[in-house]
């Protein structure tokens, strides 16, 4: 399960336990307020990472970037 969800009350009572869980597993914990996600506790990742490594796999190659786009835009209709 990507990120377990817990209430603020439960988090307050067991915060250190959840911090250790996040540190060990690397999975975030989502803290909820009245059933809605309020914040996320996740492992810290420093800024000293290589920016190209961070973007690796995130950029899609696009053939013909100057070609017209054929899309039905709702705003134009």
PDB file of N, CA and C in Angstrom:
ATOM      1  N   UNK A   1       0.853  -1.189   0.000  1.00  0.00           N
ATOM      2  CA  UNK A   1       0.000   0.000   0.000  1.00  0.00           C
ATOM      3  C   UNK A   1       0.894   1.246   0.000  1.00  0.00           C
ATOM      4  N   UNK A   2       0.796   2.107  -1.005  1.00  0.00           N
ATOM      5  CA  UNK A   2       1.650   3.285  -1.063  1.00  0.00           C
ATOM      6  C   UNK A   2       1.209   4.336  -0.055  1.00  0.00           C
ATOM      7  N   UNK A   3       1.841   4.380   1.086  1.00  0.00           N
ATOM      8  CA  UNK A   3       1.513   5.376   2.088  1.00  0.00           C
ATOM      9  C   UNK A   3       0.320   4.991   2.931  1.00  0.00           C
ATOM     10  N   UNK A   4       0.557   4.610   4.185  1.00  0.00           N
ATOM     11  CA  UNK A   4      -0.566   4.304   5.062  1.00  0.00           C
ATOM     12  C   UNK A   4      -1.168   5.600   5.573  1.00  0.00           C
ATOM     13  N   UNK A   5      -2.452   5.552   5.892  1.00  0.00           N
ATOM     14  CA  UNK A   5      -3.152   6.739   6.377  1.00  0.00           C
ATOM     15  C   UNK A   5      -3.509   6.555   7.845  1.00  0.00           C
ATOM     16  N   UNK A   6      -3.236   7.603   8.629  1.00  0.00           N
ATOM     17  CA  UNK A   6      -3.565   7.579  10.046  1.00  0.00           C
ATOM     18  C   UNK A   6      -4.158   8.922  10.440  1.00  0.00           C
ATOM     19  N   UNK A   7      -4.911   8.943  11.520  1.00  0.00           N
ATOM     20  CA  UNK A   7      -5.515  10.193  11.991  1.00  0.00           C
ATOM     21  C   UNK A   7      -4.482  11.016  12.754  1.00  0.00           C
ATOM     22  N   UNK A   8      -4.773  12.309  12.891  1.00  0.00           N
ATOM     23  CA  UNK A   8      -3.883  13.188  13.652  1.00  0.00           C
ATOM     24  C   UNK A   8      -3.731  12.698  15.088  1.00  0.00           C
ATOM     25  N   UNK A   9      -4.828  12.242  15.671  1.00  0.00           N
ATOM     26  CA  UNK A   9      -4.804  11.769  17.051  1.00  0.00           C
ATOM     27  C   UNK A   9      -3.871  10.575  17.204  1.00  0.00           C
ATOM     28  N   UNK A  10      -3.980   9.611  16.290  1.00  0.00           N
ATOM     29  CA  UNK A  10      -3.118   8.432  16.334  1.00  0.00           C
ATOM     30  C   UNK A  10      -1.665   8.820  16.088  1.00  0.00           C
ATOM     31  N   UNK A  11      -1.437   9.734  15.152  1.00  0.00           N
ATOM     32  CA  UNK A  11      -0.075  10.174  14.868  1.00  0.00           C
ATOM     33  C   UNK A  11       0.547  10.843  16.089  1.00  0.00           C
ATOM     34  N   UNK A  12      -0.234  11.689  16.766  1.00  0.00           N
ATOM     35  CA  UNK A  12       0.266  12.391  17.946  1.00  0.00           C
ATOM     36  C   UNK A  12       0.703  11.398  19.027  1.00  0.00           C
ATOM     37  N   UNK A  13      -0.076  10.350  19.214  1.00  0.00           N
ATOM     38  CA  UNK A  13       0.215   9.374  20.258  1.00  0.00           C
ATOM     39  C   UNK A  13       1.423   8.494  19.918  1.00  0.00           C
ATOM     40  N   UNK A  14       1.685   8.272  18.624  1.00  0.00           N
ATOM     41  CA  UNK A  14       2.725   7.317  18.213  1.00  0.00           C
ATOM     42  C   UNK A  14       3.684   7.902  17.175  1.00  0.00           C
ATOM     43  N   UNK A  15       3.954   9.187  17.244  1.00  0.00           N
ATOM     44  CA  UNK A  15       4.759   9.877  16.233  1.00  0.00           C
ATOM     45  C   UNK A  15       6.132   9.242  16.028  1.00  0.00           C
ATOM     46  N   UNK A  16       6.862   8.959  17.113  1.00  0.00           N
ATOM     47  CA  UNK A  16       8.205   8.387  16.965  1.00  0.00           C
ATOM     48  C   UNK A  16       8.164   7.035  16.265  1.00  0.00           C
ATOM     49  N   UNK A  17       7.142   6.254  16.563  1.00  0.00           N
ATOM     50  CA  UNK A  17       6.989   4.952  15.908  1.00  0.00           C
ATOM     51  C   UNK A  17       6.787   5.131  14.406  1.00  0.00           C
ATOM     52  N   UNK A  18       5.977   6.121  14.012  1.00  0.00           N
ATOM     53  CA  UNK A  18       5.744   6.376  12.588  1.00  0.00           C
ATOM     54  C   UNK A  18       6.982   6.943  11.914  1.00  0.00           C
ATOM     55  N   UNK A  19       7.746   7.798  12.621  1.00  0.00           N
ATOM     56  CA  UNK A  19       8.992   8.314  12.054  1.00  0.00           C
ATOM     57  C   UNK A  19       9.946   7.169  11.744  1.00  0.00           C
ATOM     58  N   UNK A  20      10.072   6.238  12.685  1.00  0.00           N
ATOM     59  CA  UNK A  20      10.966   5.092  12.471  1.00  0.00           C
ATOM     60  C   UNK A  20      10.479   4.229  11.300  1.00  0.00           C
ATOM     61  N   UNK A  21       9.165   4.073  11.196  1.00  0.00           N
ATOM     62  CA  UNK A  21       8.593   3.283  10.091  1.00  0.00           C
ATOM     63  C   UNK A  21       8.948   3.909   8.746  1.00  0.00           C
ATOM     64  N   UNK A  22       8.799   5.218   8.658  1.00  0.00           N
ATOM     65  CA  UNK A  22       9.118   5.935   7.410  1.00  0.00           C
ATOM     66  C   UNK A  22      10.607   5.810   7.093  1.00  0.00           C
ATOM     67  N   UNK A  23      11.452   5.968   8.108  1.00  0.00           N
ATOM     68  CA  UNK A  23      12.900   5.850   7.905  1.00  0.00           C
ATOM     69  C   UNK A  23      13.292   4.454   7.436  1.00  0.00           C
ATOM     70  N   UNK A  24      12.666   3.432   7.995  1.00  0.00           N
ATOM     71  CA  UNK A  24      13.037   2.053   7.672  1.00  0.00           C
ATOM     72  C   UNK A  24      12.505   1.609   6.328  1.00  0.00           C
ATOM     73  N   UNK A  25      11.230   1.880   6.064  1.00  0.00           N
ATOM     74  CA  UNK A  25      10.600   1.371   4.847  1.00  0.00           C
ATOM     75  C   UNK A  25      10.740   2.318   3.665  1.00  0.00           C
ATOM     76  N   UNK A  26      10.884   3.618   3.935  1.00  0.00           N
ATOM     77  CA  UNK A  26      10.924   4.598   2.854  1.00  0.00           C
ATOM     78  C   UNK A  26       9.542   4.966   2.342  1.00  0.00           C
ATOM     79  N   UNK A  27       8.507   4.324   2.879  1.00  0.00           N
ATOM     80  CA  UNK A  27       7.132   4.605   2.463  1.00  0.00           C
ATOM     81  C   UNK A  27       6.573   5.777   3.263  1.00  0.00           C
ATOM     82  N   UNK A  28       5.880   6.709   2.598  1.00  0.00           N
ATOM     83  CA  UNK A  28       5.317   7.846   3.331  1.00  0.00           C
ATOM     84  C   UNK A  28       4.121   7.445   4.189  1.00  0.00           C
ATOM     85  N   UNK A  29       3.835   8.276   5.176  1.00  0.00           N
ATOM     86  CA  UNK A  29       2.657   8.122   6.018  1.00  0.00           C
ATOM     87  C   UNK A  29       1.811   9.373   5.819  1.00  0.00           C
ATOM     88  N   UNK A  30       0.547   9.189   5.530  1.00  0.00           N
ATOM     89  CA  UNK A  30      -0.359  10.315   5.308  1.00  0.00           C
ATOM     90  C   UNK A  30      -1.194  10.508   6.565  1.00  0.00           C
ATOM     91  N   UNK A  31      -1.144  11.718   7.115  1.00  0.00           N
ATOM     92  CA  UNK A  31      -1.878  12.042   8.331  1.00  0.00           C
ATOM     93  C   UNK A  31      -3.178  12.737   7.915  1.00  0.00           C
ATOM     94  N   UNK A  32      -4.291  12.238   8.444  1.00  0.00           N
ATOM     95  CA  UNK A  32      -5.587  12.768   8.050  1.00  0.00           C
ATOM     96  C   UNK A  32      -6.209  13.623   9.150  1.00  0.00           C
ATOM     97  N   UNK A  33      -7.046  14.549   8.739  1.00  0.00           N
ATOM     98  CA  UNK A  33      -7.817  15.394   9.647  1.00  0.00           C
ATOM     99  C   UNK A  33      -9.279  15.231   9.258  1.00  0.00           C
ATOM    100  N   UNK A  34     -10.047  14.618  10.118  1.00  0.00           N
ATOM    101  CA  UNK A  34     -11.460  14.322   9.845  1.00  0.00           C
ATOM    102  C   UNK A  34     -11.622  13.520   8.554  1.00  0.00           C
ATOM    103  N   UNK A  35     -10.714  12.543   8.354  1.00  0.00           N
ATOM    104  CA  UNK A  35     -10.797  11.650   7.204  1.00  0.00           C
ATOM    105  C   UNK A  35     -10.192  12.173   5.916  1.00  0.00           C
ATOM    106  N   UNK A  36      -9.742  13.425   5.914  1.00  0.00           N
ATOM    107  CA  UNK A  36      -9.127  14.006   4.706  1.00  0.00           C
ATOM    108  C   UNK A  36      -7.623  14.118   4.899  1.00  0.00           C
ATOM    109  N   UNK A  37      -6.844  13.792   3.870  1.00  0.00           N
ATOM    110  CA  UNK A  37      -5.385  13.936   3.983  1.00  0.00           C
ATOM    111  C   UNK A  37      -5.004  15.374   4.317  1.00  0.00           C
ATOM    112  N   UNK A  38      -4.174  15.548   5.351  1.00  0.00           N
ATOM    113  CA  UNK A  38      -3.757  16.876   5.785  1.00  0.00           C
ATOM    114  C   UNK A  38      -2.268  17.102   5.540  1.00  0.00           C
ATOM    115  N   UNK A  39      -1.455  16.071   5.767  1.00  0.00           N
ATOM    116  CA  UNK A  39      -0.028  16.202   5.518  1.00  0.00           C
ATOM    117  C   UNK A  39       0.573  14.833   5.269  1.00  0.00           C
ATOM    118  N   UNK A  40       1.799  14.855   4.749  1.00  0.00           N
ATOM    119  CA  UNK A  40       2.495  13.628   4.411  1.00  0.00           C
ATOM    120  C   UNK A  40       3.873  13.648   5.062  1.00  0.00           C
ATOM    121  N   UNK A  41       4.214  12.562   5.748  1.00  0.00           N
ATOM    122  CA  UNK A  41       5.541  12.407   6.332  1.00  0.00           C
ATOM    123  C   UNK A  41       6.280  11.432   5.435  1.00  0.00           C
ATOM    124  N   UNK A  42       7.398  11.896   4.862  1.00  0.00           N
ATOM    125  CA  UNK A  42       8.152  11.040   3.942  1.00  0.00           C
ATOM    126  C   UNK A  42       9.636  11.229   4.186  1.00  0.00           C
ATOM    127  N   UNK A  43      10.447  10.303   3.687  1.00  0.00           N
ATOM    128  CA  UNK A  43      11.889  10.429   3.905  1.00  0.00           C
ATOM    129  C   UNK A  43      12.438  11.688   3.238  1.00  0.00           C
ATOM    130  N   UNK A  44      13.426  12.281   3.872  1.00  0.00           N
ATOM    131  CA  UNK A  44      14.085  13.458   3.319  1.00  0.00           C
ATOM    132  C   UNK A  44      15.038  13.033   2.216  1.00  0.00           C
ATOM    133  N   UNK A  45      14.998  13.748   1.131  1.00  0.00           N
ATOM    134  CA  UNK A  45      15.932  13.512   0.029  1.00  0.00           C
ATOM    135  C   UNK A  45      16.654  14.829  -0.220  1.00  0.00           C
ATOM    136  N   UNK A  46      17.921  14.847   0.050  1.00  0.00           N
ATOM    137  CA  UNK A  46      18.714  16.068  -0.050  1.00  0.00           C
ATOM    138  C   UNK A  46      18.755  16.650  -1.452  1.00  0.00           C
ATOM    139  N   UNK A  47      19.146  17.902  -1.517  1.00  0.00           N
ATOM    140  CA  UNK A  47      19.215  18.617  -2.787  1.00  0.00           C
ATOM    141  C   UNK A  47      20.533  18.376  -3.518  1.00  0.00           C
ATOM    142  N   UNK A  48      21.416  17.579  -2.920  1.00  0.00           N
ATOM    143  CA  UNK A  48      22.702  17.348  -3.548  1.00  0.00           C
ATOM    144  C   UNK A  48      22.649  16.267  -4.625  1.00  0.00           C
ATOM    145  N   UNK A  49      21.453  15.830  -4.984  1.00  0.00           N
ATOM    146  CA  UNK A  49      21.328  14.826  -6.041  1.00  0.00           C
ATOM    147  C   UNK A  49      21.575  15.465  -7.402  1.00  0.00           C
ATOM    148  N   UNK A  50      22.037  14.676  -8.335  1.00  0.00           N
ATOM    149  CA  UNK A  50      22.289  15.134  -9.695  1.00  0.00           C
ATOM    150  C   UNK A  50      20.951  15.467 -10.360  1.00  0.00           C
ATOM    151  N   UNK A  51      20.748  16.702 -10.819  1.00  0.00           N
ATOM    152  CA  UNK A  51      19.468  17.094 -11.415  1.00  0.00           C
ATOM    153  C   UNK A  51      19.083  16.235 -12.621  1.00  0.00           C
ATOM    154  N   UNK A  52      20.066  15.808 -13.398  1.00  0.00           N
ATOM    155  CA  UNK A  52      19.751  14.967 -14.545  1.00  0.00           C
ATOM    156  C   UNK A  52      19.256  13.599 -14.097  1.00  0.00           C
ATOM    157  N   UNK A  53      19.791  13.111 -12.993  1.00  0.00           N
ATOM    158  CA  UNK A  53      19.344  11.821 -12.463  1.00  0.00           C
ATOM    159  C   UNK A  53      17.912  11.926 -11.941  1.00  0.00           C
ATOM    160  N   UNK A  54      17.572  13.047 -11.349  1.00  0.00           N
ATOM    161  CA  UNK A  54      16.209  13.266 -10.853  1.00  0.00           C
ATOM    162  C   UNK A  54      15.217  13.240 -12.021  1.00  0.00           C
ATOM    163  N   UNK A  55      15.604  13.820 -13.151  1.00  0.00           N
ATOM    164  CA  UNK A  55      14.710  13.907 -14.313  1.00  0.00           C
ATOM    165  C   UNK A  55      14.739  12.670 -15.207  1.00  0.00           C
ATOM    166  N   UNK A  56      15.693  11.775 -14.993  1.00  0.00           N
ATOM    167  CA  UNK A  56      15.820  10.594 -15.854  1.00  0.00           C
ATOM    168  C   UNK A  56      14.505   9.828 -15.918  1.00  0.00           C
ATOM    169  N   UNK A  57      14.012   9.611 -17.140  1.00  0.00           N
ATOM    170  CA  UNK A  57      12.769   8.876 -17.348  1.00  0.00           C
ATOM    171  C   UNK A  57      11.521   9.742 -17.269  1.00  0.00           C
ATOM    172  N   UNK A  58      11.672  11.008 -16.888  1.00  0.00           N
ATOM    173  CA  UNK A  58      10.510  11.878 -16.731  1.00  0.00           C
ATOM    174  C   UNK A  58      10.211  12.664 -18.014  1.00  0.00           C
ATOM    175  N   UNK A  59      11.197  12.788 -18.889  1.00  0.00           N
ATOM    176  CA  UNK A  59      11.024  13.577 -20.104  1.00  0.00           C
ATOM    177  C   UNK A  59      10.750  12.636 -21.273  1.00  0.00           C
ATOM    178  N   UNK A  60       9.702  12.958 -22.018  1.00  0.00           N
ATOM    179  CA  UNK A  60       9.333  12.141 -23.171  1.00  0.00           C
ATOM    180  C   UNK A  60       9.842  12.824 -24.434  1.00  0.00           C
ATOM    181  N   UNK A  61      10.407  12.061 -25.314  1.00  0.00           N
ATOM    182  CA  UNK A  61      10.898  12.614 -26.575  1.00  0.00           C
ATOM    183  C   UNK A  61       9.707  12.873 -27.487  1.00  0.00           C
ATOM    184  N   UNK A  62       9.718  14.028 -28.104  1.00  0.00           N
ATOM    185  CA  UNK A  62       8.625  14.403 -28.983  1.00  0.00           C
ATOM    186  C   UNK A  62       9.185  14.676 -30.370  1.00  0.00           C
ATOM    187  N   UNK A  63       8.766  13.888 -31.333  1.00  0.00           N
ATOM    188  CA  UNK A  63       9.196  14.068 -32.714  1.00  0.00           C
ATOM    189  C   UNK A  63       8.359  15.181 -33.347  1.00  0.00           C
ATOM    190  N   UNK A  64       8.991  16.129 -33.961  1.00  0.00           N
ATOM    191  CA  UNK A  64       8.281  17.210 -34.653  1.00  0.00           C
ATOM    192  C   UNK A  64       7.651  18.213 -33.710  1.00  0.00           C
ATOM    193  N   UNK A  65       8.432  18.842 -32.833  1.00  0.00           N
ATOM    194  CA  UNK A  65       7.848  19.783 -31.876  1.00  0.00           C
ATOM    195  C   UNK A  65       7.227  21.021 -32.518  1.00  0.00           C
ATOM    196  N   UNK A  66       7.550  21.298 -33.778  1.00  0.00           N
ATOM    197  CA  UNK A  66       6.991  22.475 -34.452  1.00  0.00           C
ATOM    198  C   UNK A  66       5.764  22.137 -35.298  1.00  0.00           C
ATOM    199  N   UNK A  67       5.413  20.855 -35.380  1.00  0.00           N
ATOM    200  CA  UNK A  67       4.228  20.457 -36.145  1.00  0.00           C
ATOM    201  C   UNK A  67       2.961  20.934 -35.440  1.00  0.00           C
ATOM    202  N   UNK A  68       1.928  21.283 -36.216  1.00  0.00           N
ATOM    203  CA  UNK A  68       0.681  21.717 -35.583  1.00  0.00           C
ATOM    204  C   UNK A  68       0.043  20.571 -34.787  1.00  0.00           C
ATOM    205  N   UNK A  69      -0.636  20.941 -33.727  1.00  0.00           N
ATOM    206  CA  UNK A  69      -1.317  19.962 -32.884  1.00  0.00           C
ATOM    207  C   UNK A  69      -2.766  19.870 -33.335  1.00  0.00           C
ATOM    208  N   UNK A  70      -3.203  18.663 -33.604  1.00  0.00           N
ATOM    209  CA  UNK A  70      -4.577  18.442 -34.020  1.00  0.00           C
ATOM    210  C   UNK A  70      -5.365  17.935 -32.819  1.00  0.00           C
ATOM    211  N   UNK A  71      -5.968  18.874 -32.087  1.00  0.00           N
ATOM    212  CA  UNK A  71      -6.729  18.497 -30.890  1.00  0.00           C
ATOM    213  C   UNK A  71      -8.019  19.295 -30.855  1.00  0.00           C
ATOM    214  N   UNK A  72      -9.078  18.685 -30.399  1.00  0.00           N
ATOM    215  CA  UNK A  72     -10.352  19.389 -30.252  1.00  0.00           C
ATOM    216  C   UNK A  72     -10.393  20.105 -28.921  1.00  0.00           C
ATOM    217  N   UNK A  73     -10.107  21.383 -28.918  1.00  0.00           N
ATOM    218  CA  UNK A  73     -10.097  22.166 -27.677  1.00  0.00           C
ATOM    219  C   UNK A  73     -11.501  22.650 -27.386  1.00  0.00           C
ATOM    220  N   UNK A  74     -11.976  22.382 -26.186  1.00  0.00           N
ATOM    221  CA  UNK A  74     -13.333  22.792 -25.787  1.00  0.00           C
ATOM    222  C   UNK A  74     -13.491  24.311 -25.828  1.00  0.00           C
ATOM    223  N   UNK A  75     -12.449  25.039 -25.511  1.00  0.00           N
ATOM    224  CA  UNK A  75     -12.534  26.496 -25.468  1.00  0.00           C
ATOM    225  C   UNK A  75     -12.780  27.089 -26.864  1.00  0.00           C
ATOM    226  N   UNK A  76     -12.370  26.372 -27.908  1.00  0.00           N
ATOM    227  CA  UNK A  76     -12.538  26.884 -29.267  1.00  0.00           C
ATOM    228  C   UNK A  76     -13.899  26.544 -29.854  1.00  0.00           C
ATOM    229  N   UNK A  77     -14.611  25.667 -29.202  1.00  0.00           N
ATOM    230  CA  UNK A  77     -15.910  25.242 -29.751  1.00  0.00           C
ATOM    231  C   UNK A  77     -17.040  26.115 -29.274  1.00  0.00           C
TER     232      UNK A  77
END
